[in-house]
């Protein structure tokens, strides 16, 4: 099947499906059974970064893919998740899952990036929950909750063999 026909088929399948209600509901398009290239094209075609990242995570976890294909989809999911607002709770789920997946595959560079983005999201969400400004604290101001959380995350990463 040529590229133009494949793209038309993907666009038709996505346009017929209803918008998903949660992060990992991926329309009615079956990302698990569709060939890798088509599934990747379909995920790239989603305009909402939340659903795009969810679909890419789903693709990256398929068992029938080789390591290179899994890494490609996971890296794209990481980039899609980075486009989300730092206070978006979906961002926490995306980076937590991707960080674990990268760690299991031994990809320290991307696992570190996922952990860093997770820490950034966690810091933003704790500032929002505490009623503080969603912006980073000014230099010299106390941010004890964020510091404790980051120390715990870094301690866990060091136990697993990661170094800063």
N, C-alpha and C. Protein backbone atom coordinates (compact mmCIF):
# COMPACT_ATOMS: atom_id res chain seq x y z
N UNK A 1 0.85 -1.17 0.00
CA UNK A 1 0.00 0.00 0.00
C UNK A 1 0.90 1.23 0.00
N UNK A 2 0.64 2.18 -0.87
CA UNK A 2 1.48 3.36 -0.94
C UNK A 2 1.18 4.31 0.22
N UNK A 3 2.04 5.27 0.42
CA UNK A 3 1.97 6.16 1.57
C UNK A 3 0.71 7.00 1.57
N UNK A 4 0.32 7.54 0.44
CA UNK A 4 -0.87 8.40 0.37
C UNK A 4 -2.13 7.62 0.74
N UNK A 5 -2.25 6.40 0.22
CA UNK A 5 -3.43 5.59 0.53
C UNK A 5 -3.44 5.22 2.02
N UNK A 6 -2.28 4.92 2.56
CA UNK A 6 -2.19 4.57 3.98
C UNK A 6 -2.60 5.74 4.85
N UNK A 7 -2.14 6.94 4.51
CA UNK A 7 -2.49 8.13 5.29
C UNK A 7 -3.98 8.43 5.20
N UNK A 8 -4.58 8.21 4.03
CA UNK A 8 -6.02 8.43 3.89
C UNK A 8 -6.80 7.43 4.74
N UNK A 9 -6.34 6.18 4.78
CA UNK A 9 -7.02 5.16 5.58
C UNK A 9 -6.94 5.49 7.07
N UNK A 10 -5.76 5.96 7.51
CA UNK A 10 -5.58 6.33 8.91
C UNK A 10 -6.45 7.53 9.27
N UNK A 11 -6.46 8.55 8.41
CA UNK A 11 -7.28 9.74 8.66
C UNK A 11 -8.76 9.38 8.72
N UNK A 12 -9.19 8.49 7.86
CA UNK A 12 -10.60 8.08 7.87
C UNK A 12 -10.94 7.34 9.16
N UNK A 13 -10.06 6.46 9.62
CA UNK A 13 -10.30 5.71 10.85
C UNK A 13 -10.35 6.64 12.05
N UNK A 14 -9.46 7.62 12.09
CA UNK A 14 -9.43 8.55 13.23
C UNK A 14 -10.61 9.51 13.20
N UNK A 15 -11.04 9.92 12.03
CA UNK A 15 -12.15 10.87 11.96
C UNK A 15 -13.48 10.22 12.34
N UNK A 16 -13.62 8.93 12.14
CA UNK A 16 -14.85 8.23 12.49
C UNK A 16 -14.97 7.96 13.98
N UNK A 17 -13.85 7.93 14.69
CA UNK A 17 -13.89 7.57 16.09
C UNK A 17 -14.19 8.77 16.97
N UNK A 18 -14.80 8.50 18.09
CA UNK A 18 -15.12 9.54 19.06
C UNK A 18 -13.87 9.91 19.85
N UNK A 19 -13.86 11.12 20.38
CA UNK A 19 -12.71 11.55 21.18
C UNK A 19 -12.65 10.69 22.45
N UNK A 20 -11.46 10.27 22.83
CA UNK A 20 -11.33 9.43 24.01
C UNK A 20 -11.63 10.20 25.28
N UNK A 21 -12.04 9.47 26.33
CA UNK A 21 -12.40 10.12 27.58
C UNK A 21 -11.24 10.16 28.56
N UNK A 22 -10.24 9.32 28.39
CA UNK A 22 -9.11 9.35 29.31
C UNK A 22 -7.81 9.23 28.53
N UNK A 23 -6.71 9.31 29.26
CA UNK A 23 -5.39 9.36 28.66
C UNK A 23 -5.09 8.21 27.72
N UNK A 24 -5.40 6.97 28.10
CA UNK A 24 -5.00 5.83 27.30
C UNK A 24 -6.14 5.21 26.50
N UNK A 25 -7.29 5.86 26.48
CA UNK A 25 -8.30 5.47 25.50
C UNK A 25 -7.85 6.09 24.20
N UNK A 26 -7.62 5.28 23.21
CA UNK A 26 -7.03 5.79 21.98
C UNK A 26 -8.01 5.76 20.83
N UNK A 27 -9.06 6.52 20.96
CA UNK A 27 -10.09 6.56 19.94
C UNK A 27 -10.57 5.13 19.70
N UNK A 28 -11.04 4.84 18.52
CA UNK A 28 -11.42 3.47 18.20
C UNK A 28 -10.34 2.82 17.34
N UNK A 29 -9.27 3.52 17.15
CA UNK A 29 -8.16 3.02 16.35
C UNK A 29 -7.38 2.03 17.19
N UNK A 30 -7.08 0.89 16.64
CA UNK A 30 -6.39 -0.16 17.39
C UNK A 30 -4.89 -0.06 17.20
N UNK A 31 -4.23 0.63 18.13
CA UNK A 31 -2.78 0.82 18.03
C UNK A 31 -2.03 -0.46 18.32
N UNK A 32 -2.66 -1.43 18.98
CA UNK A 32 -1.97 -2.67 19.34
C UNK A 32 -1.87 -3.65 18.17
N UNK A 33 -2.84 -3.63 17.27
CA UNK A 33 -2.84 -4.62 16.18
C UNK A 33 -2.46 -4.05 14.82
N UNK A 34 -2.39 -2.75 14.74
CA UNK A 34 -2.03 -2.10 13.48
C UNK A 34 -0.53 -2.21 13.27
N UNK A 35 -0.06 -2.39 12.05
CA UNK A 35 1.39 -2.41 11.80
C UNK A 35 2.07 -1.16 12.38
N UNK A 36 3.30 -1.34 12.80
CA UNK A 36 4.02 -0.29 13.52
C UNK A 36 4.01 1.05 12.80
N UNK A 37 4.35 1.07 11.52
CA UNK A 37 4.42 2.33 10.78
C UNK A 37 3.07 3.04 10.73
N UNK A 38 2.01 2.28 10.53
CA UNK A 38 0.67 2.89 10.48
C UNK A 38 0.25 3.40 11.84
N UNK A 39 0.53 2.63 12.88
CA UNK A 39 0.18 3.06 14.23
C UNK A 39 0.95 4.33 14.61
N UNK A 40 2.22 4.39 14.24
CA UNK A 40 3.03 5.56 14.53
C UNK A 40 2.51 6.79 13.77
N UNK A 41 2.16 6.60 12.51
CA UNK A 41 1.59 7.70 11.73
C UNK A 41 0.27 8.18 12.33
N UNK A 42 -0.56 7.24 12.78
CA UNK A 42 -1.84 7.59 13.38
C UNK A 42 -1.63 8.37 14.68
N UNK A 43 -0.69 7.93 15.49
CA UNK A 43 -0.42 8.63 16.75
C UNK A 43 0.13 10.03 16.49
N UNK A 44 0.99 10.14 15.50
CA UNK A 44 1.53 11.46 15.15
C UNK A 44 0.44 12.39 14.65
N UNK A 45 -0.61 11.81 14.07
CA UNK A 45 -1.71 12.61 13.53
C UNK A 45 -2.67 13.14 14.57
N UNK A 46 -2.57 12.68 15.80
CA UNK A 46 -3.44 13.18 16.86
C UNK A 46 -2.98 14.58 17.25
N UNK A 47 -3.93 15.50 17.36
CA UNK A 47 -3.55 16.89 17.63
C UNK A 47 -3.39 17.17 19.11
N UNK A 48 -4.09 16.47 19.96
CA UNK A 48 -4.00 16.69 21.40
C UNK A 48 -2.75 15.99 21.94
N UNK A 49 -1.81 16.71 22.54
CA UNK A 49 -0.57 16.07 23.01
C UNK A 49 -0.81 15.00 24.07
N UNK A 50 -1.88 15.13 24.85
CA UNK A 50 -2.18 14.11 25.87
C UNK A 50 -2.47 12.77 25.20
N UNK A 51 -3.35 12.79 24.22
CA UNK A 51 -3.71 11.55 23.54
C UNK A 51 -2.60 11.07 22.63
N UNK A 52 -1.85 11.99 22.08
CA UNK A 52 -0.72 11.60 21.25
C UNK A 52 0.31 10.86 22.11
N UNK A 53 0.63 11.40 23.27
CA UNK A 53 1.59 10.75 24.16
C UNK A 53 1.05 9.40 24.65
N UNK A 54 -0.23 9.35 24.98
CA UNK A 54 -0.83 8.09 25.43
C UNK A 54 -0.77 7.02 24.36
N UNK A 55 -1.07 7.40 23.12
CA UNK A 55 -1.01 6.44 22.02
C UNK A 55 0.42 5.97 21.77
N UNK A 56 1.37 6.89 21.86
CA UNK A 56 2.77 6.53 21.63
C UNK A 56 3.31 5.62 22.75
N UNK A 57 2.88 5.87 23.98
CA UNK A 57 3.26 4.98 25.09
C UNK A 57 2.70 3.58 24.83
N UNK A 58 1.45 3.55 24.41
CA UNK A 58 0.81 2.26 24.11
C UNK A 58 1.58 1.51 23.02
N UNK A 59 1.99 2.23 21.99
CA UNK A 59 2.75 1.62 20.91
C UNK A 59 4.10 1.13 21.42
N UNK A 60 4.77 1.94 22.24
CA UNK A 60 6.11 1.58 22.72
C UNK A 60 6.10 0.36 23.62
N UNK A 61 4.96 -0.01 24.13
CA UNK A 61 4.87 -1.17 25.03
C UNK A 61 4.42 -2.44 24.31
N UNK A 62 4.27 -2.38 23.01
CA UNK A 62 3.88 -3.58 22.26
C UNK A 62 5.00 -4.61 22.32
N UNK A 63 4.63 -5.85 22.50
CA UNK A 63 5.61 -6.92 22.65
C UNK A 63 6.20 -7.39 21.33
N UNK A 64 5.52 -7.13 20.24
CA UNK A 64 5.98 -7.63 18.94
C UNK A 64 6.96 -6.68 18.24
N UNK A 65 7.40 -5.64 18.92
CA UNK A 65 8.33 -4.68 18.32
C UNK A 65 9.76 -4.97 18.75
N UNK A 66 10.70 -4.56 17.92
CA UNK A 66 12.10 -4.68 18.33
C UNK A 66 12.46 -3.49 19.21
N UNK A 67 13.65 -3.52 19.80
CA UNK A 67 14.06 -2.47 20.75
C UNK A 67 14.13 -1.09 20.09
N UNK A 68 14.58 -1.05 18.85
CA UNK A 68 14.69 0.23 18.15
C UNK A 68 13.32 0.87 17.95
N UNK A 69 12.33 0.06 17.56
CA UNK A 69 10.98 0.58 17.35
C UNK A 69 10.36 1.04 18.68
N UNK A 70 10.56 0.26 19.74
CA UNK A 70 10.05 0.65 21.06
C UNK A 70 10.67 1.97 21.50
N UNK A 71 11.97 2.10 21.30
CA UNK A 71 12.66 3.34 21.70
C UNK A 71 12.16 4.52 20.89
N UNK A 72 11.95 4.32 19.59
CA UNK A 72 11.48 5.41 18.73
C UNK A 72 10.12 5.92 19.22
N UNK A 73 9.19 5.02 19.49
CA UNK A 73 7.86 5.43 19.95
C UNK A 73 7.93 6.07 21.33
N UNK A 74 8.76 5.53 22.22
CA UNK A 74 8.86 6.07 23.57
C UNK A 74 9.49 7.46 23.57
N UNK A 75 10.48 7.69 22.73
CA UNK A 75 11.11 9.01 22.64
C UNK A 75 10.11 10.03 22.10
N UNK A 76 9.32 9.62 21.12
CA UNK A 76 8.29 10.53 20.61
C UNK A 76 7.24 10.81 21.68
N UNK A 77 6.91 9.82 22.50
CA UNK A 77 5.96 10.02 23.60
C UNK A 77 6.54 11.00 24.62
N UNK A 78 7.82 10.88 24.89
CA UNK A 78 8.50 11.79 25.80
C UNK A 78 8.42 13.23 25.29
N UNK A 79 8.66 13.41 24.01
CA UNK A 79 8.59 14.74 23.41
C UNK A 79 7.16 15.29 23.40
N UNK A 80 6.19 14.42 23.15
CA UNK A 80 4.78 14.86 23.17
C UNK A 80 4.37 15.25 24.58
N UNK A 81 4.79 14.47 25.56
CA UNK A 81 4.47 14.79 26.95
C UNK A 81 5.11 16.09 27.42
N UNK A 82 6.28 16.39 26.88
CA UNK A 82 6.97 17.63 27.26
C UNK A 82 6.22 18.87 26.77
N UNK A 83 5.34 18.71 25.79
CA UNK A 83 4.56 19.84 25.27
C UNK A 83 3.41 20.21 26.20
N UNK A 84 3.07 19.31 27.12
CA UNK A 84 1.95 19.57 28.03
C UNK A 84 2.32 20.61 29.07
N UNK A 85 1.30 21.26 29.61
CA UNK A 85 1.49 22.21 30.69
C UNK A 85 2.07 21.47 31.90
N UNK A 86 3.00 22.09 32.62
CA UNK A 86 3.66 21.40 33.73
C UNK A 86 2.70 21.02 34.85
N UNK A 87 1.57 21.68 34.95
CA UNK A 87 0.62 21.35 36.01
C UNK A 87 -0.41 20.30 35.57
N UNK A 88 -0.32 19.79 34.36
CA UNK A 88 -1.26 18.79 33.87
C UNK A 88 -0.97 17.45 34.55
N UNK A 89 -1.97 16.87 35.25
CA UNK A 89 -1.72 15.60 35.96
C UNK A 89 -1.40 14.43 35.03
N UNK A 90 -1.83 14.48 33.79
CA UNK A 90 -1.49 13.42 32.83
C UNK A 90 0.00 13.35 32.59
N UNK A 91 0.64 14.49 32.70
CA UNK A 91 2.09 14.56 32.50
C UNK A 91 2.83 13.68 33.52
N UNK A 92 2.33 13.65 34.75
CA UNK A 92 2.94 12.81 35.78
C UNK A 92 2.88 11.34 35.39
N UNK A 93 1.73 10.89 34.93
CA UNK A 93 1.57 9.49 34.53
C UNK A 93 2.48 9.14 33.35
N UNK A 94 2.51 10.02 32.38
CA UNK A 94 3.30 9.76 31.17
C UNK A 94 4.77 9.61 31.52
N UNK A 95 5.31 10.55 32.29
CA UNK A 95 6.74 10.51 32.59
C UNK A 95 7.09 9.41 33.57
N UNK A 96 6.18 9.08 34.47
CA UNK A 96 6.45 7.97 35.40
C UNK A 96 6.56 6.66 34.63
N UNK A 97 5.62 6.42 33.71
CA UNK A 97 5.65 5.18 32.93
C UNK A 97 6.86 5.14 31.99
N UNK A 98 7.11 6.25 31.32
CA UNK A 98 8.23 6.27 30.39
C UNK A 98 9.57 6.13 31.11
N UNK A 99 9.70 6.77 32.26
CA UNK A 99 10.93 6.65 33.03
C UNK A 99 11.21 5.20 33.41
N UNK A 100 10.16 4.50 33.84
CA UNK A 100 10.31 3.09 34.19
C UNK A 100 10.64 2.25 32.97
N UNK A 101 9.98 2.53 31.85
CA UNK A 101 10.25 1.78 30.62
C UNK A 101 11.68 1.98 30.14
N UNK A 102 12.14 3.24 30.15
CA UNK A 102 13.51 3.51 29.72
C UNK A 102 14.52 2.83 30.65
N UNK A 103 14.22 2.84 31.95
CA UNK A 103 15.12 2.20 32.92
C UNK A 103 15.20 0.71 32.66
N UNK A 104 14.07 0.08 32.41
CA UNK A 104 14.06 -1.37 32.14
C UNK A 104 14.84 -1.72 30.87
N UNK A 105 14.82 -0.81 29.90
CA UNK A 105 15.54 -1.07 28.65
C UNK A 105 17.01 -0.67 28.74
N UNK A 106 17.40 -0.03 29.84
CA UNK A 106 18.79 0.36 30.02
C UNK A 106 19.15 1.66 29.32
N UNK A 107 18.16 2.46 28.95
CA UNK A 107 18.40 3.74 28.27
C UNK A 107 18.48 4.84 29.33
N UNK A 108 19.67 5.04 29.85
CA UNK A 108 19.86 5.97 30.97
C UNK A 108 19.63 7.42 30.59
N UNK A 109 19.99 7.80 29.40
CA UNK A 109 19.84 9.20 28.98
C UNK A 109 18.36 9.59 28.98
N UNK A 110 17.53 8.79 28.35
CA UNK A 110 16.11 9.13 28.27
C UNK A 110 15.40 8.88 29.60
N UNK A 111 15.85 7.92 30.38
CA UNK A 111 15.28 7.71 31.71
C UNK A 111 15.55 8.92 32.60
N UNK A 112 16.74 9.48 32.48
CA UNK A 112 17.08 10.67 33.25
C UNK A 112 16.24 11.86 32.81
N UNK A 113 16.04 12.00 31.51
CA UNK A 113 15.20 13.11 31.01
C UNK A 113 13.76 12.94 31.49
N UNK A 114 13.24 11.71 31.46
CA UNK A 114 11.88 11.46 31.93
C UNK A 114 11.77 11.77 33.43
N UNK A 115 12.78 11.38 34.21
CA UNK A 115 12.77 11.65 35.64
C UNK A 115 12.84 13.15 35.91
N UNK A 116 13.62 13.86 35.13
CA UNK A 116 13.73 15.31 35.28
C UNK A 116 12.39 15.99 34.97
N UNK A 117 11.74 15.57 33.90
CA UNK A 117 10.44 16.14 33.54
C UNK A 117 9.38 15.75 34.57
N UNK A 118 9.48 14.54 35.11
CA UNK A 118 8.56 14.10 36.16
C UNK A 118 8.74 14.97 37.41
N UNK A 119 9.99 15.22 37.79
CA UNK A 119 10.25 16.05 38.96
C UNK A 119 9.73 17.47 38.76
N UNK A 120 9.91 17.99 37.56
CA UNK A 120 9.40 19.33 37.23
C UNK A 120 7.87 19.37 37.35
N UNK A 121 7.22 18.34 36.85
CA UNK A 121 5.76 18.27 36.92
C UNK A 121 5.28 18.10 38.35
N UNK A 122 5.98 17.28 39.10
CA UNK A 122 5.62 17.05 40.50
C UNK A 122 5.78 18.32 41.31
N UNK A 123 6.85 19.05 41.07
CA UNK A 123 7.06 20.32 41.77
C UNK A 123 5.95 21.30 41.44
N UNK A 124 5.55 21.37 40.18
CA UNK A 124 4.47 22.28 39.77
C UNK A 124 3.15 21.87 40.41
N UNK A 125 2.86 20.57 40.45
CA UNK A 125 1.59 20.13 41.02
C UNK A 125 1.56 20.32 42.53
N UNK A 126 2.69 20.16 43.23
CA UNK A 126 2.70 20.39 44.68
C UNK A 126 2.55 21.87 44.98
N UNK A 127 3.10 22.74 44.14
CA UNK A 127 2.91 24.18 44.33
C UNK A 127 1.44 24.54 44.16
N UNK A 128 0.77 23.93 43.18
CA UNK A 128 -0.64 24.22 42.96
C UNK A 128 -1.50 23.71 44.09
N UNK A 129 -1.20 22.49 44.60
CA UNK A 129 -1.98 21.93 45.69
C UNK A 129 -1.81 22.71 46.98
N UNK A 130 -0.64 23.27 47.19
CA UNK A 130 -0.39 24.03 48.41
C UNK A 130 -0.94 25.45 48.33
N UNK A 131 -1.45 25.83 47.16
CA UNK A 131 -1.99 27.16 46.99
C UNK A 131 -0.94 28.19 46.63
N UNK A 132 0.27 27.74 46.41
CA UNK A 132 1.36 28.66 46.05
C UNK A 132 1.26 28.99 44.57
N UNK A 133 2.08 29.90 44.15
CA UNK A 133 2.12 30.29 42.75
C UNK A 133 2.57 29.12 41.89
N UNK A 134 1.98 28.93 40.69
CA UNK A 134 2.41 27.84 39.83
C UNK A 134 3.79 28.08 39.21
N UNK A 135 4.36 29.26 39.44
CA UNK A 135 5.67 29.57 38.90
C UNK A 135 6.76 29.13 39.88
N UNK A 136 7.95 28.85 39.39
CA UNK A 136 9.02 28.42 40.29
C UNK A 136 9.29 29.47 41.36
N UNK A 137 9.68 29.03 42.57
CA UNK A 137 9.94 29.99 43.63
C UNK A 137 11.15 30.86 43.30
N UNK A 138 11.15 32.04 43.86
CA UNK A 138 12.27 32.95 43.64
C UNK A 138 13.51 32.39 44.33
N UNK A 139 14.69 32.72 43.82
CA UNK A 139 15.91 32.24 44.47
C UNK A 139 15.97 32.73 45.92
N UNK A 140 16.38 31.85 46.81
CA UNK A 140 16.50 32.18 48.22
C UNK A 140 15.24 31.88 49.03
N UNK A 141 14.12 31.66 48.36
CA UNK A 141 12.88 31.32 49.06
C UNK A 141 12.89 29.83 49.38
N UNK A 142 12.21 29.47 50.44
CA UNK A 142 12.17 28.06 50.86
C UNK A 142 11.19 27.29 50.00
N UNK A 143 11.62 26.16 49.55
CA UNK A 143 10.75 25.25 48.78
C UNK A 143 11.00 23.85 49.32
N UNK A 144 10.74 23.67 50.63
CA UNK A 144 11.14 22.43 51.30
C UNK A 144 10.43 21.20 50.74
N UNK A 145 9.15 21.31 50.42
CA UNK A 145 8.44 20.14 49.90
C UNK A 145 9.04 19.69 48.58
N UNK A 146 9.31 20.64 47.69
CA UNK A 146 9.91 20.28 46.42
C UNK A 146 11.31 19.70 46.61
N UNK A 147 12.06 20.27 47.53
CA UNK A 147 13.42 19.77 47.78
C UNK A 147 13.38 18.33 48.31
N UNK A 148 12.47 18.07 49.24
CA UNK A 148 12.36 16.70 49.78
C UNK A 148 11.94 15.72 48.69
N UNK A 149 10.99 16.12 47.86
CA UNK A 149 10.52 15.25 46.79
C UNK A 149 11.63 14.97 45.79
N UNK A 150 12.37 16.01 45.41
CA UNK A 150 13.46 15.82 44.46
C UNK A 150 14.57 14.96 45.06
N UNK A 151 14.87 15.14 46.35
CA UNK A 151 15.89 14.30 46.99
C UNK A 151 15.46 12.84 46.97
N UNK A 152 14.18 12.59 47.24
CA UNK A 152 13.69 11.21 47.24
C UNK A 152 13.78 10.61 45.84
N UNK A 153 13.39 11.39 44.82
CA UNK A 153 13.49 10.89 43.44
C UNK A 153 14.93 10.62 43.05
N UNK A 154 15.83 11.54 43.41
CA UNK A 154 17.24 11.35 43.08
C UNK A 154 17.84 10.18 43.85
N UNK A 155 17.41 10.00 45.11
CA UNK A 155 17.89 8.86 45.89
C UNK A 155 17.46 7.54 45.27
N UNK A 156 16.21 7.47 44.80
CA UNK A 156 15.73 6.26 44.13
C UNK A 156 16.51 6.01 42.85
N UNK A 157 16.79 7.08 42.11
CA UNK A 157 17.54 6.93 40.85
C UNK A 157 18.97 6.43 41.14
N UNK A 158 19.58 6.96 42.19
CA UNK A 158 20.95 6.52 42.52
C UNK A 158 20.98 5.06 42.93
N UNK A 159 19.94 4.62 43.66
CA UNK A 159 19.87 3.20 44.08
C UNK A 159 19.80 2.29 42.86
N UNK A 160 19.21 2.79 41.79
CA UNK A 160 19.08 2.00 40.57
C UNK A 160 20.29 2.14 39.65
N UNK A 161 21.31 2.87 40.10
CA UNK A 161 22.54 2.96 39.32
C UNK A 161 22.68 4.19 38.47
N UNK A 162 21.76 5.15 38.61
CA UNK A 162 21.86 6.38 37.83
C UNK A 162 22.68 7.40 38.59
N UNK A 163 23.47 8.15 37.87
CA UNK A 163 24.25 9.23 38.50
C UNK A 163 23.92 10.53 37.79
N UNK A 164 23.99 11.59 38.53
CA UNK A 164 23.65 12.91 37.98
C UNK A 164 24.80 13.48 37.19
